Amino acid sequence: MGATSLGLDAFLLVICLVPFLHNAAAIRFVIDREECFSHNVDYQGDTVHVSFVVIKADTPWHYTQDGVDLVVKNPTGDQIYDSRDKTSDKFEFIVQKRGVHRFCFTNKSPYHETVDFDVHVGHFSYFEQHAKDEHFGPLFEQIAKLDEALYNIQFEQHWLEAQTDRQAILNENMSRRAVHKALFESAGLVAASVVQVYLMRRLFERKLGSSRV
């Protein structure tokens, strides 16, 4: 009875701790020229998942596919990843040195751009724990794997949502430009018709005037 109660308590404790076993951050920001973010990773060997999507550029009259640059540096300042001129990217890396990692974005286009940025750190905390009961080990391992799988699904969903937002904004901008183009073309046709009518009336008036003389 005591062992069963101990096992149940341990299981409930792990379930309560599961939401706190991961370190994740997602942010949507507007970049002018350069923006840098810092993210602390507590354990060497953790897997860091990173994604970003350029949602839109503040240029309603110009269609642009300009991307941004992303440089990732470890706590000692060494560059560990470099992404150039991309509107979206998704990657992961293994932490070689624990500590604060820096993620610096650079925008080389003349327009402000809205970027969706997501960082997720995968860590199996049960590696640093010592279970008194050998039967708890496999249980902890399965819970940790399930937790990691759930966070990976959430990370992937965030990436897809950002891509969907970007495509919706692009479609809206293209539709708006098509409407504006149609309005301009219609206005041009109306103006050309008015000019033609005016010229024809002047021509007839001149002919009538010359015939009367």
N, C-alpha and C. Protein backbone atom coordinates (compact mmCIF):
# COMPACT_ATOMS: atom_id res chain seq x y z
N MET A 1 0.83 -1.20 0.00
CA MET A 1 0.00 0.00 0.00
C MET A 1 0.86 1.25 0.00
N GLY A 2 1.93 1.23 0.82
CA GLY A 2 2.82 2.38 0.88
C GLY A 2 3.53 2.60 -0.43
N ALA A 3 4.00 1.52 -1.08
CA ALA A 3 4.70 1.65 -2.36
C ALA A 3 3.77 2.20 -3.43
N THR A 4 2.51 1.71 -3.40
CA THR A 4 1.54 2.19 -4.40
C THR A 4 1.26 3.67 -4.21
N SER A 5 1.11 4.06 -2.94
CA SER A 5 0.87 5.48 -2.66
C SER A 5 2.04 6.34 -3.08
N LEU A 6 3.28 5.82 -2.84
CA LEU A 6 4.48 6.56 -3.24
C LEU A 6 4.54 6.72 -4.75
N GLY A 7 4.19 5.63 -5.47
CA GLY A 7 4.22 5.70 -6.92
C GLY A 7 3.19 6.66 -7.46
N LEU A 8 1.99 6.67 -6.87
CA LEU A 8 0.96 7.60 -7.31
C LEU A 8 1.37 9.04 -7.05
N ASP A 9 1.95 9.28 -5.88
CA ASP A 9 2.40 10.64 -5.56
C ASP A 9 3.48 11.11 -6.53
N ALA A 10 4.41 10.20 -6.85
CA ALA A 10 5.48 10.56 -7.78
C ALA A 10 4.92 10.86 -9.16
N PHE A 11 3.93 10.06 -9.58
CA PHE A 11 3.33 10.26 -10.90
C PHE A 11 2.62 11.62 -10.96
N LEU A 12 1.85 11.93 -9.91
CA LEU A 12 1.15 13.21 -9.87
C LEU A 12 2.13 14.37 -9.84
N LEU A 13 3.26 14.18 -9.14
CA LEU A 13 4.27 15.23 -9.07
C LEU A 13 4.85 15.50 -10.45
N VAL A 14 5.14 14.43 -11.20
CA VAL A 14 5.70 14.59 -12.54
C VAL A 14 4.71 15.28 -13.46
N ILE A 15 3.41 14.89 -13.37
CA ILE A 15 2.39 15.51 -14.19
C ILE A 15 2.30 17.01 -13.91
N CYS A 16 2.42 17.38 -12.64
CA CYS A 16 2.35 18.79 -12.27
C CYS A 16 3.57 19.56 -12.77
N LEU A 17 4.70 18.86 -12.86
CA LEU A 17 5.93 19.54 -13.27
C LEU A 17 6.09 19.60 -14.78
N VAL A 18 5.33 18.80 -15.54
CA VAL A 18 5.50 18.74 -16.99
C VAL A 18 5.41 20.10 -17.66
N PRO A 19 4.42 20.97 -17.32
CA PRO A 19 4.36 22.26 -18.02
C PRO A 19 5.57 23.14 -17.79
N PHE A 20 6.40 22.84 -16.78
CA PHE A 20 7.53 23.69 -16.46
C PHE A 20 8.86 23.10 -16.91
N LEU A 21 8.82 22.00 -17.63
CA LEU A 21 10.06 21.34 -18.02
C LEU A 21 10.65 21.94 -19.28
N HIS A 22 9.94 22.83 -19.94
CA HIS A 22 10.40 23.38 -21.21
C HIS A 22 10.53 24.88 -21.14
N ASN A 23 11.39 25.39 -21.98
CA ASN A 23 11.62 26.82 -22.07
C ASN A 23 11.30 27.26 -23.49
N ALA A 24 10.26 28.06 -23.64
CA ALA A 24 9.82 28.45 -24.98
C ALA A 24 9.48 29.94 -24.98
N ALA A 25 9.60 30.54 -26.15
CA ALA A 25 9.27 31.95 -26.31
C ALA A 25 8.83 32.20 -27.74
N ALA A 26 7.76 32.97 -27.90
CA ALA A 26 7.27 33.35 -29.22
C ALA A 26 6.94 34.83 -29.19
N ILE A 27 7.31 35.54 -30.22
CA ILE A 27 7.08 36.98 -30.26
C ILE A 27 6.87 37.40 -31.70
N ARG A 28 6.02 38.42 -31.90
CA ARG A 28 5.81 39.03 -33.20
C ARG A 28 6.19 40.51 -33.08
N PHE A 29 7.12 40.95 -33.89
CA PHE A 29 7.66 42.30 -33.74
C PHE A 29 7.85 42.96 -35.10
N VAL A 30 8.00 44.28 -35.08
CA VAL A 30 8.26 45.06 -36.29
C VAL A 30 9.73 45.48 -36.28
N ILE A 31 10.43 45.18 -37.36
CA ILE A 31 11.85 45.47 -37.45
C ILE A 31 12.09 46.59 -38.47
N ASP A 32 12.92 47.55 -38.08
CA ASP A 32 13.33 48.61 -38.98
C ASP A 32 14.65 48.22 -39.64
N ARG A 33 15.71 48.17 -38.85
CA ARG A 33 17.03 47.78 -39.37
C ARG A 33 17.57 46.53 -38.68
N GLU A 34 17.62 46.54 -37.34
CA GLU A 34 18.19 45.39 -36.62
C GLU A 34 17.49 45.23 -35.28
N GLU A 35 17.21 43.98 -34.93
CA GLU A 35 16.63 43.64 -33.63
C GLU A 35 17.32 42.38 -33.12
N CYS A 36 17.70 42.38 -31.85
CA CYS A 36 18.37 41.23 -31.24
C CYS A 36 17.58 40.76 -30.02
N PHE A 37 17.55 39.45 -29.83
CA PHE A 37 16.87 38.85 -28.69
C PHE A 37 17.82 37.86 -28.01
N SER A 38 17.68 37.74 -26.70
CA SER A 38 18.50 36.80 -25.93
C SER A 38 17.61 35.72 -25.33
N HIS A 39 18.14 34.50 -25.31
CA HIS A 39 17.39 33.38 -24.74
C HIS A 39 18.36 32.49 -23.98
N ASN A 40 18.05 32.23 -22.72
CA ASN A 40 18.94 31.44 -21.88
C ASN A 40 18.63 29.95 -22.00
N VAL A 41 19.68 29.16 -22.17
CA VAL A 41 19.56 27.71 -22.21
C VAL A 41 20.37 27.15 -21.04
N ASP A 42 19.70 26.41 -20.18
CA ASP A 42 20.31 26.01 -18.91
C ASP A 42 21.21 24.79 -19.01
N TYR A 43 21.01 23.95 -20.02
CA TYR A 43 21.71 22.68 -20.05
C TYR A 43 22.40 22.45 -21.40
N GLN A 44 23.63 22.00 -21.33
CA GLN A 44 24.34 21.59 -22.52
C GLN A 44 23.73 20.30 -23.07
N GLY A 45 23.61 20.21 -24.38
CA GLY A 45 23.01 19.03 -25.00
C GLY A 45 21.54 19.20 -25.31
N ASP A 46 20.93 20.29 -24.84
CA ASP A 46 19.52 20.55 -25.18
C ASP A 46 19.38 20.84 -26.68
N THR A 47 18.20 20.59 -27.20
CA THR A 47 17.90 20.90 -28.59
C THR A 47 17.07 22.18 -28.65
N VAL A 48 17.54 23.15 -29.41
CA VAL A 48 16.83 24.42 -29.56
C VAL A 48 16.16 24.46 -30.93
N HIS A 49 14.85 24.61 -30.94
CA HIS A 49 14.09 24.72 -32.17
C HIS A 49 13.79 26.19 -32.43
N VAL A 50 14.05 26.66 -33.63
CA VAL A 50 13.88 28.07 -33.97
C VAL A 50 13.10 28.18 -35.28
N SER A 51 12.20 29.15 -35.33
CA SER A 51 11.49 29.43 -36.58
C SER A 51 11.18 30.92 -36.65
N PHE A 52 11.09 31.44 -37.88
CA PHE A 52 10.63 32.80 -38.08
C PHE A 52 9.95 32.91 -39.43
N VAL A 53 9.01 33.85 -39.52
CA VAL A 53 8.28 34.12 -40.76
C VAL A 53 8.12 35.63 -40.88
N VAL A 54 8.50 36.17 -42.03
CA VAL A 54 8.24 37.59 -42.32
C VAL A 54 6.77 37.69 -42.72
N ILE A 55 5.94 38.18 -41.80
CA ILE A 55 4.50 38.20 -42.03
C ILE A 55 4.13 39.20 -43.12
N LYS A 56 4.67 40.42 -43.02
CA LYS A 56 4.33 41.43 -44.01
C LYS A 56 5.37 42.54 -43.99
N ALA A 57 5.37 43.34 -45.05
CA ALA A 57 6.19 44.54 -45.14
C ALA A 57 5.25 45.74 -45.27
N ASP A 58 5.61 46.83 -44.60
CA ASP A 58 4.76 48.02 -44.61
C ASP A 58 4.92 48.79 -45.91
N THR A 59 4.43 48.21 -47.00
CA THR A 59 4.52 48.83 -48.32
C THR A 59 3.27 48.48 -49.12
N PRO A 60 2.15 49.20 -48.90
CA PRO A 60 0.89 48.83 -49.55
C PRO A 60 0.90 48.97 -51.07
N TRP A 61 1.82 49.78 -51.63
CA TRP A 61 1.81 50.03 -53.07
C TRP A 61 2.87 49.23 -53.81
N HIS A 62 3.59 48.39 -53.08
CA HIS A 62 4.68 47.66 -53.73
C HIS A 62 4.72 46.24 -53.21
N TYR A 63 4.68 45.28 -54.13
CA TYR A 63 4.78 43.87 -53.75
C TYR A 63 6.25 43.49 -53.57
N THR A 64 6.59 42.99 -52.39
CA THR A 64 7.99 42.68 -52.11
C THR A 64 8.13 41.30 -51.51
N GLN A 65 9.20 40.65 -51.87
CA GLN A 65 9.55 39.35 -51.29
C GLN A 65 10.87 39.47 -50.52
N ASP A 66 11.18 40.67 -50.07
CA ASP A 66 12.41 40.88 -49.33
C ASP A 66 12.38 40.09 -48.02
N GLY A 67 13.46 39.42 -47.73
CA GLY A 67 13.56 38.67 -46.49
C GLY A 67 14.43 39.38 -45.47
N VAL A 68 14.79 38.66 -44.43
CA VAL A 68 15.65 39.21 -43.38
C VAL A 68 16.81 38.25 -43.15
N ASP A 69 17.85 38.74 -42.49
CA ASP A 69 18.98 37.92 -42.09
C ASP A 69 18.84 37.57 -40.61
N LEU A 70 19.24 36.37 -40.25
CA LEU A 70 19.26 35.96 -38.84
C LEU A 70 20.61 35.33 -38.53
N VAL A 71 21.25 35.83 -37.49
CA VAL A 71 22.52 35.28 -37.02
C VAL A 71 22.35 34.84 -35.57
N VAL A 72 22.71 33.59 -35.29
CA VAL A 72 22.62 33.04 -33.93
C VAL A 72 24.02 32.86 -33.37
N LYS A 73 24.22 33.36 -32.14
CA LYS A 73 25.53 33.25 -31.49
C LYS A 73 25.37 32.60 -30.12
N ASN A 74 26.38 31.81 -29.74
CA ASN A 74 26.36 31.14 -28.45
C ASN A 74 26.85 32.08 -27.35
N PRO A 75 26.88 31.64 -26.08
CA PRO A 75 27.27 32.53 -24.98
C PRO A 75 28.66 33.13 -25.11
N THR A 76 29.57 32.51 -25.85
CA THR A 76 30.92 33.06 -26.00
C THR A 76 31.04 33.96 -27.22
N GLY A 77 29.92 34.15 -27.95
CA GLY A 77 29.94 35.04 -29.11
C GLY A 77 30.25 34.35 -30.42
N ASP A 78 30.42 33.04 -30.41
CA ASP A 78 30.69 32.30 -31.64
C ASP A 78 29.39 32.13 -32.45
N GLN A 79 29.48 32.34 -33.75
CA GLN A 79 28.32 32.18 -34.62
C GLN A 79 28.05 30.71 -34.85
N ILE A 80 26.79 30.30 -34.62
CA ILE A 80 26.43 28.89 -34.78
C ILE A 80 25.38 28.67 -35.86
N TYR A 81 24.77 29.77 -36.36
CA TYR A 81 23.82 29.62 -37.45
C TYR A 81 23.70 30.95 -38.17
N ASP A 82 23.48 30.87 -39.49
CA ASP A 82 23.41 32.07 -40.31
C ASP A 82 22.36 31.85 -41.40
N SER A 83 21.32 32.70 -41.42
CA SER A 83 20.26 32.63 -42.43
C SER A 83 20.20 33.96 -43.15
N ARG A 84 20.24 33.94 -44.49
CA ARG A 84 20.34 35.18 -45.26
C ARG A 84 19.17 35.33 -46.24
N ASP A 85 18.58 36.53 -46.23
CA ASP A 85 17.56 36.93 -47.22
C ASP A 85 16.43 35.91 -47.35
N LYS A 86 15.86 35.51 -46.21
CA LYS A 86 14.77 34.55 -46.22
C LYS A 86 13.51 35.17 -45.62
N THR A 87 12.37 34.86 -46.24
CA THR A 87 11.09 35.30 -45.69
C THR A 87 10.60 34.35 -44.61
N SER A 88 11.16 33.15 -44.55
CA SER A 88 10.82 32.21 -43.48
C SER A 88 11.93 31.17 -43.38
N ASP A 89 12.08 30.63 -42.17
CA ASP A 89 13.10 29.60 -41.95
C ASP A 89 12.73 28.85 -40.68
N LYS A 90 13.13 27.59 -40.63
CA LYS A 90 12.90 26.75 -39.47
C LYS A 90 14.08 25.80 -39.33
N PHE A 91 14.70 25.77 -38.15
CA PHE A 91 15.89 24.94 -37.96
C PHE A 91 16.03 24.59 -36.49
N GLU A 92 17.00 23.76 -36.19
CA GLU A 92 17.30 23.39 -34.81
C GLU A 92 18.79 23.16 -34.66
N PHE A 93 19.27 23.28 -33.43
CA PHE A 93 20.68 23.02 -33.17
C PHE A 93 20.85 22.49 -31.75
N ILE A 94 21.95 21.76 -31.55
CA ILE A 94 22.27 21.20 -30.24
C ILE A 94 23.15 22.19 -29.48
N VAL A 95 22.79 22.47 -28.26
CA VAL A 95 23.53 23.43 -27.44
C VAL A 95 24.86 22.82 -27.01
N GLN A 96 25.95 23.45 -27.40
CA GLN A 96 27.27 23.00 -27.01
C GLN A 96 27.76 23.70 -25.74
N LYS A 97 27.27 24.92 -25.51
CA LYS A 97 27.66 25.68 -24.31
C LYS A 97 26.40 26.30 -23.73
N ARG A 98 26.08 25.94 -22.49
CA ARG A 98 24.89 26.48 -21.86
C ARG A 98 25.08 27.96 -21.53
N GLY A 99 23.99 28.69 -21.50
CA GLY A 99 24.04 30.11 -21.22
C GLY A 99 23.14 30.90 -22.16
N VAL A 100 23.37 32.19 -22.23
CA VAL A 100 22.52 33.09 -23.03
C VAL A 100 22.94 33.05 -24.50
N HIS A 101 22.00 32.70 -25.35
CA HIS A 101 22.21 32.71 -26.80
C HIS A 101 21.53 33.95 -27.38
N ARG A 102 22.16 34.55 -28.40
CA ARG A 102 21.63 35.76 -29.02
C ARG A 102 21.15 35.47 -30.44
N PHE A 103 19.99 36.04 -30.77
CA PHE A 103 19.38 35.89 -32.08
C PHE A 103 19.19 37.30 -32.64
N CYS A 104 19.97 37.65 -33.66
CA CYS A 104 19.96 39.00 -34.23
C CYS A 104 19.40 38.99 -35.64
N PHE A 105 18.34 39.78 -35.86
CA PHE A 105 17.71 39.93 -37.16
C PHE A 105 18.19 41.23 -37.81
N THR A 106 18.40 41.19 -39.12
CA THR A 106 18.78 42.38 -39.87
C THR A 106 17.85 42.52 -41.07
N ASN A 107 17.26 43.71 -41.21
CA ASN A 107 16.36 44.01 -42.32
C ASN A 107 17.07 44.96 -43.28
N LYS A 108 17.34 44.49 -44.51
CA LYS A 108 18.06 45.30 -45.49
C LYS A 108 17.13 45.99 -46.49
N SER A 109 15.82 45.75 -46.38
CA SER A 109 14.88 46.41 -47.27
C SER A 109 14.56 47.80 -46.73
N PRO A 110 14.05 48.70 -47.57
CA PRO A 110 13.72 50.06 -47.11
C PRO A 110 12.41 50.14 -46.33
N TYR A 111 11.73 49.00 -46.13
CA TYR A 111 10.43 49.00 -45.48
C TYR A 111 10.51 48.33 -44.12
N HIS A 112 9.65 48.76 -43.19
CA HIS A 112 9.49 48.05 -41.94
C HIS A 112 8.82 46.70 -42.21
N GLU A 113 9.29 45.67 -41.54
CA GLU A 113 8.72 44.33 -41.74
C GLU A 113 8.29 43.74 -40.41
N THR A 114 7.17 43.02 -40.44
CA THR A 114 6.66 42.35 -39.25
C THR A 114 7.12 40.89 -39.28
N VAL A 115 7.79 40.47 -38.20
CA VAL A 115 8.40 39.14 -38.14
C VAL A 115 7.79 38.36 -36.98
N ASP A 116 7.41 37.12 -37.23
CA ASP A 116 6.97 36.19 -36.20
C ASP A 116 8.13 35.28 -35.84
N PHE A 117 8.56 35.29 -34.58
CA PHE A 117 9.78 34.59 -34.14
C PHE A 117 9.42 33.65 -33.00
N ASP A 118 9.89 32.41 -33.09
CA ASP A 118 9.56 31.39 -32.08
C ASP A 118 10.81 30.60 -31.71
N VAL A 119 11.03 30.41 -30.41
CA VAL A 119 12.15 29.61 -29.90
C VAL A 119 11.60 28.61 -28.90
N HIS A 120 12.02 27.37 -29.04
CA HIS A 120 11.58 26.31 -28.13
C HIS A 120 12.78 25.45 -27.76
N VAL A 121 13.01 25.26 -26.47
CA VAL A 121 14.14 24.45 -25.98
C VAL A 121 13.61 23.12 -25.50
N GLY A 122 14.09 22.04 -26.11
CA GLY A 122 13.71 20.70 -25.71
C GLY A 122 14.72 20.13 -24.72
N HIS A 123 14.22 19.71 -23.55
CA HIS A 123 15.11 19.21 -22.51
C HIS A 123 14.43 18.10 -21.72
N PHE A 124 15.10 16.97 -21.57
CA PHE A 124 14.59 15.87 -20.76
C PHE A 124 15.17 16.02 -19.35
N SER A 125 14.39 16.64 -18.48
CA SER A 125 14.92 16.94 -17.15
C SER A 125 15.12 15.69 -16.29
N TYR A 126 14.53 14.57 -16.70
CA TYR A 126 14.67 13.38 -15.86
C TYR A 126 16.09 12.84 -15.88
N PHE A 127 16.95 13.30 -16.83
CA PHE A 127 18.33 12.84 -16.85
C PHE A 127 19.08 13.29 -15.59
N GLU A 128 18.68 14.43 -14.99
CA GLU A 128 19.38 14.93 -13.82
C GLU A 128 18.72 14.48 -12.52
N GLN A 129 17.66 13.67 -12.60
CA GLN A 129 16.95 13.24 -11.42
C GLN A 129 17.32 11.79 -11.12
N HIS A 130 17.33 11.46 -9.83
CA HIS A 130 17.65 10.10 -9.40
C HIS A 130 16.42 9.50 -8.71
N ALA A 131 15.76 8.61 -9.41
CA ALA A 131 14.57 7.98 -8.85
C ALA A 131 14.97 6.89 -7.88
N LYS A 132 14.27 6.82 -6.77
CA LYS A 132 14.55 5.79 -5.77
C LYS A 132 14.02 4.44 -6.22
N ASP A 133 12.96 4.43 -6.98
CA ASP A 133 12.37 3.19 -7.45
C ASP A 133 12.75 2.99 -8.91
N GLU A 134 13.37 1.86 -9.24
CA GLU A 134 13.83 1.64 -10.60
C GLU A 134 12.69 1.57 -11.60
N HIS A 135 11.47 1.35 -11.13
CA HIS A 135 10.33 1.29 -12.04
C HIS A 135 9.88 2.68 -12.47
N PHE A 136 10.33 3.72 -11.75
CA PHE A 136 9.92 5.07 -12.12
C PHE A 136 10.66 5.57 -13.36
N GLY A 137 11.84 5.01 -13.61
CA GLY A 137 12.67 5.48 -14.72
C GLY A 137 11.95 5.43 -16.05
N PRO A 138 11.44 4.26 -16.48
CA PRO A 138 10.72 4.19 -17.76
C PRO A 138 9.49 5.10 -17.79
N LEU A 139 8.82 5.24 -16.63
CA LEU A 139 7.65 6.11 -16.58
C LEU A 139 8.04 7.55 -16.82
N PHE A 140 9.10 8.01 -16.15
CA PHE A 140 9.58 9.37 -16.35
C PHE A 140 10.00 9.59 -17.81
N GLU A 141 10.65 8.58 -18.38
CA GLU A 141 11.12 8.71 -19.75
C GLU A 141 9.96 8.86 -20.73
N GLN A 142 8.93 8.05 -20.56
CA GLN A 142 7.78 8.13 -21.45
C GLN A 142 7.04 9.46 -21.30
N ILE A 143 6.93 9.94 -20.06
CA ILE A 143 6.27 11.23 -19.83
C ILE A 143 7.06 12.35 -20.47
N ALA A 144 8.39 12.31 -20.32
CA ALA A 144 9.23 13.35 -20.91
C ALA A 144 9.15 13.32 -22.43
N LYS A 145 9.13 12.12 -23.03
CA LYS A 145 9.02 12.03 -24.48
C LYS A 145 7.67 12.54 -24.96
N LEU A 146 6.61 12.22 -24.20
CA LEU A 146 5.29 12.72 -24.56
C LEU A 146 5.24 14.24 -24.47
N ASP A 147 5.86 14.78 -23.43
CA ASP A 147 5.91 16.22 -23.26
C ASP A 147 6.65 16.89 -24.42
N GLU A 148 7.77 16.32 -24.83
CA GLU A 148 8.54 16.86 -25.94
C GLU A 148 7.75 16.79 -27.24
N ALA A 149 7.03 15.68 -27.44
CA ALA A 149 6.23 15.54 -28.66
C ALA A 149 5.11 16.58 -28.71
N LEU A 150 4.48 16.83 -27.57
CA LEU A 150 3.42 17.83 -27.53
C LEU A 150 3.96 19.23 -27.83
N TYR A 151 5.12 19.55 -27.29
CA TYR A 151 5.70 20.86 -27.56
C TYR A 151 6.15 20.98 -29.01
N ASN A 152 6.62 19.89 -29.60
CA ASN A 152 6.99 19.92 -31.02
C ASN A 152 5.77 20.18 -31.90
N ILE A 153 4.64 19.58 -31.53
CA ILE A 153 3.41 19.82 -32.27
C ILE A 153 3.00 21.28 -32.15
N GLN A 154 3.09 21.83 -30.93
CA GLN A 154 2.75 23.23 -30.72
C GLN A 154 3.68 24.14 -31.52
N PHE A 155 4.97 23.81 -31.55
CA PHE A 155 5.95 24.59 -32.31
C PHE A 155 5.61 24.57 -33.80
N GLU A 156 5.26 23.39 -34.31
CA GLU A 156 4.92 23.25 -35.72
C GLU A 156 3.63 24.01 -36.05
N GLN A 157 2.64 23.97 -35.14
CA GLN A 157 1.40 24.69 -35.38
C GLN A 157 1.64 26.20 -35.43
N HIS A 158 2.50 26.69 -34.55
CA HIS A 158 2.82 28.12 -34.56
C HIS A 158 3.47 28.52 -35.89
N TRP A 159 4.36 27.69 -36.40
CA TRP A 159 5.02 27.93 -37.68
C TRP A 159 3.99 27.99 -38.81
N LEU A 160 3.07 27.02 -38.83
CA LEU A 160 2.07 26.98 -39.89
C LEU A 160 1.11 28.16 -39.79
N GLU A 161 0.74 28.56 -38.57
CA GLU A 161 -0.14 29.71 -38.40
C GLU A 161 0.53 30.99 -38.93
N ALA A 162 1.82 31.14 -38.64
CA ALA A 162 2.54 32.32 -39.12
C ALA A 162 2.60 32.32 -40.65
N GLN A 163 2.84 31.15 -41.25
CA GLN A 163 2.85 31.04 -42.71
C GLN A 163 1.48 31.39 -43.29
N THR A 164 0.42 30.92 -42.62
CA THR A 164 -0.93 31.21 -43.09
C THR A 164 -1.23 32.71 -43.00
N ASP A 165 -0.80 33.34 -41.90
CA ASP A 165 -1.00 34.79 -41.76
C ASP A 165 -0.27 35.54 -42.87
N ARG A 166 0.94 35.12 -43.16
CA ARG A 166 1.72 35.79 -44.22
C ARG A 166 1.00 35.66 -45.57
N GLN A 167 0.53 34.46 -45.89
CA GLN A 167 -0.12 34.25 -47.18
C GLN A 167 -1.42 35.03 -47.27
N ALA A 168 -2.17 35.11 -46.15
CA ALA A 168 -3.42 35.87 -46.16
C ALA A 168 -3.16 37.35 -46.41
N ILE A 169 -2.11 37.89 -45.79
CA ILE A 169 -1.77 39.30 -45.99
C ILE A 169 -1.31 39.54 -47.42
N LEU A 170 -0.51 38.62 -47.97
CA LEU A 170 -0.08 38.76 -49.36
C LEU A 170 -1.26 38.73 -50.32
N ASN A 171 -2.20 37.81 -50.09
CA ASN A 171 -3.38 37.73 -50.95
C ASN A 171 -4.22 39.00 -50.86
N GLU A 172 -4.36 39.52 -49.63
CA GLU A 172 -5.13 40.75 -49.44
C GLU A 172 -4.47 41.93 -50.15
N ASN A 173 -3.15 42.02 -50.05
CA ASN A 173 -2.43 43.10 -50.72
C ASN A 173 -2.54 43.00 -52.24
N MET A 174 -2.43 41.76 -52.75
CA MET A 174 -2.56 41.56 -54.20
C MET A 174 -3.96 41.92 -54.68
N SER A 175 -5.00 41.57 -53.90
CA SER A 175 -6.37 41.91 -54.28
C SER A 175 -6.56 43.42 -54.26
N ARG A 176 -6.00 44.08 -53.23
CA ARG A 176 -6.13 45.53 -53.14
C ARG A 176 -5.44 46.21 -54.32
N ARG A 177 -4.25 45.70 -54.69
CA ARG A 177 -3.54 46.28 -55.83
C ARG A 177 -4.30 46.05 -57.13
N ALA A 178 -4.95 44.88 -57.26
CA ALA A 178 -5.73 44.60 -58.47
C ALA A 178 -6.91 45.55 -58.57
N VAL A 179 -7.58 45.83 -57.44
CA VAL A 179 -8.70 46.77 -57.44
C VAL A 179 -8.23 48.17 -57.80
N HIS A 180 -7.12 48.60 -57.20
CA HIS A 180 -6.59 49.93 -57.51
C HIS A 180 -6.19 50.04 -58.98
N LYS A 181 -5.60 48.98 -59.51
CA LYS A 181 -5.22 48.99 -60.92
C LYS A 181 -6.44 49.11 -61.81
N ALA A 182 -7.49 48.36 -61.47
CA ALA A 182 -8.72 48.42 -62.27
C ALA A 182 -9.34 49.81 -62.21
N LEU A 183 -9.31 50.43 -61.01
CA LEU A 183 -9.86 51.78 -60.88
C LEU A 183 -9.06 52.78 -61.70
N PHE A 184 -7.74 52.67 -61.65
CA PHE A 184 -6.90 53.57 -62.43
C PHE A 184 -7.14 53.39 -63.93
N GLU A 185 -7.23 52.12 -64.37
CA GLU A 185 -7.48 51.87 -65.78
C GLU A 185 -8.84 52.42 -66.21
N SER A 186 -9.86 52.26 -65.35
CA SER A 186 -11.20 52.78 -65.67
C SER A 186 -11.17 54.30 -65.75
N ALA A 187 -10.46 54.91 -64.78
CA ALA A 187 -10.36 56.38 -64.80
C ALA A 187 -9.64 56.85 -66.06
N GLY A 188 -8.60 56.11 -66.48
CA GLY A 188 -7.89 56.46 -67.70
C GLY A 188 -8.77 56.36 -68.93
N LEU A 189 -9.59 55.29 -68.97
CA LEU A 189 -10.50 55.14 -70.11
C LEU A 189 -11.54 56.25 -70.15
N VAL A 190 -12.08 56.60 -68.97
CA VAL A 190 -13.06 57.68 -68.92
C VAL A 190 -12.44 59.00 -69.37
N ALA A 191 -11.22 59.26 -68.89
CA ALA A 191 -10.54 60.50 -69.27
C ALA A 191 -10.28 60.53 -70.77
N ALA A 192 -9.84 59.38 -71.34
CA ALA A 192 -9.58 59.32 -72.78
C ALA A 192 -10.88 59.55 -73.57
N SER A 193 -12.00 59.00 -73.08
CA SER A 193 -13.28 59.19 -73.77
C SER A 193 -13.71 60.65 -73.72
N VAL A 194 -13.53 61.28 -72.57
CA VAL A 194 -13.89 62.70 -72.45
C VAL A 194 -13.06 63.55 -73.41
N VAL A 195 -11.77 63.26 -73.50
CA VAL A 195 -10.90 64.00 -74.41
C VAL A 195 -11.34 63.79 -75.86
N GLN A 196 -11.67 62.54 -76.20
CA GLN A 196 -12.11 62.26 -77.57
C GLN A 196 -13.40 63.01 -77.91
N VAL A 197 -14.34 63.01 -76.97
CA VAL A 197 -15.60 63.73 -77.20
C VAL A 197 -15.34 65.22 -77.37
N TYR A 198 -14.46 65.75 -76.52
CA TYR A 198 -14.13 67.18 -76.61
C TYR A 198 -13.49 67.52 -77.94
N LEU A 199 -12.54 66.69 -78.41
CA LEU A 199 -11.87 66.93 -79.69
C LEU A 199 -12.84 66.81 -80.85
N MET A 200 -13.74 65.84 -80.78
CA MET A 200 -14.71 65.68 -81.86
C MET A 200 -15.67 66.87 -81.92
N ARG A 201 -16.09 67.37 -80.77
CA ARG A 201 -16.97 68.54 -80.76
C ARG A 201 -16.25 69.75 -81.34
N ARG A 202 -14.99 69.94 -80.97
CA ARG A 202 -14.22 71.06 -81.52
C ARG A 202 -14.08 70.93 -83.03
N LEU A 203 -13.84 69.67 -83.49
CA LEU A 203 -13.69 69.44 -84.91
C LEU A 203 -14.97 69.78 -85.66
N PHE A 204 -16.13 69.31 -85.14
CA PHE A 204 -17.41 69.61 -85.79
C PHE A 204 -17.72 71.10 -85.75
N GLU A 205 -17.40 71.74 -84.64
CA GLU A 205 -17.66 73.18 -84.55
C GLU A 205 -16.84 73.95 -85.58
N ARG A 206 -15.58 73.55 -85.80
CA ARG A 206 -14.74 74.21 -86.78
C ARG A 206 -15.30 73.98 -88.19
N LYS A 207 -15.74 72.74 -88.49
CA LYS A 207 -16.30 72.45 -89.81
C LYS A 207 -17.57 73.24 -90.08
N LEU A 208 -18.42 73.32 -89.02
CA LEU A 208 -19.66 74.08 -89.20
C LEU A 208 -19.36 75.56 -89.40
N GLY A 209 -18.39 76.07 -88.67
CA GLY A 209 -18.01 77.47 -88.82
C GLY A 209 -17.46 77.76 -90.20
N SER A 210 -16.64 76.88 -90.74
CA SER A 210 -16.05 77.11 -92.06
C SER A 210 -17.10 76.97 -93.17
N SER A 211 -18.10 76.07 -92.99
CA SER A 211 -19.13 75.89 -94.01
C SER A 211 -20.08 77.07 -94.07
N ARG A 212 -20.33 77.75 -92.94
CA ARG A 212 -21.19 78.91 -92.91
C ARG A 212 -20.54 80.09 -93.63
N VAL A 213 -19.22 80.18 -93.51
CA VAL A 213 -18.51 81.27 -94.20
C VAL A 213 -18.55 81.02 -95.71
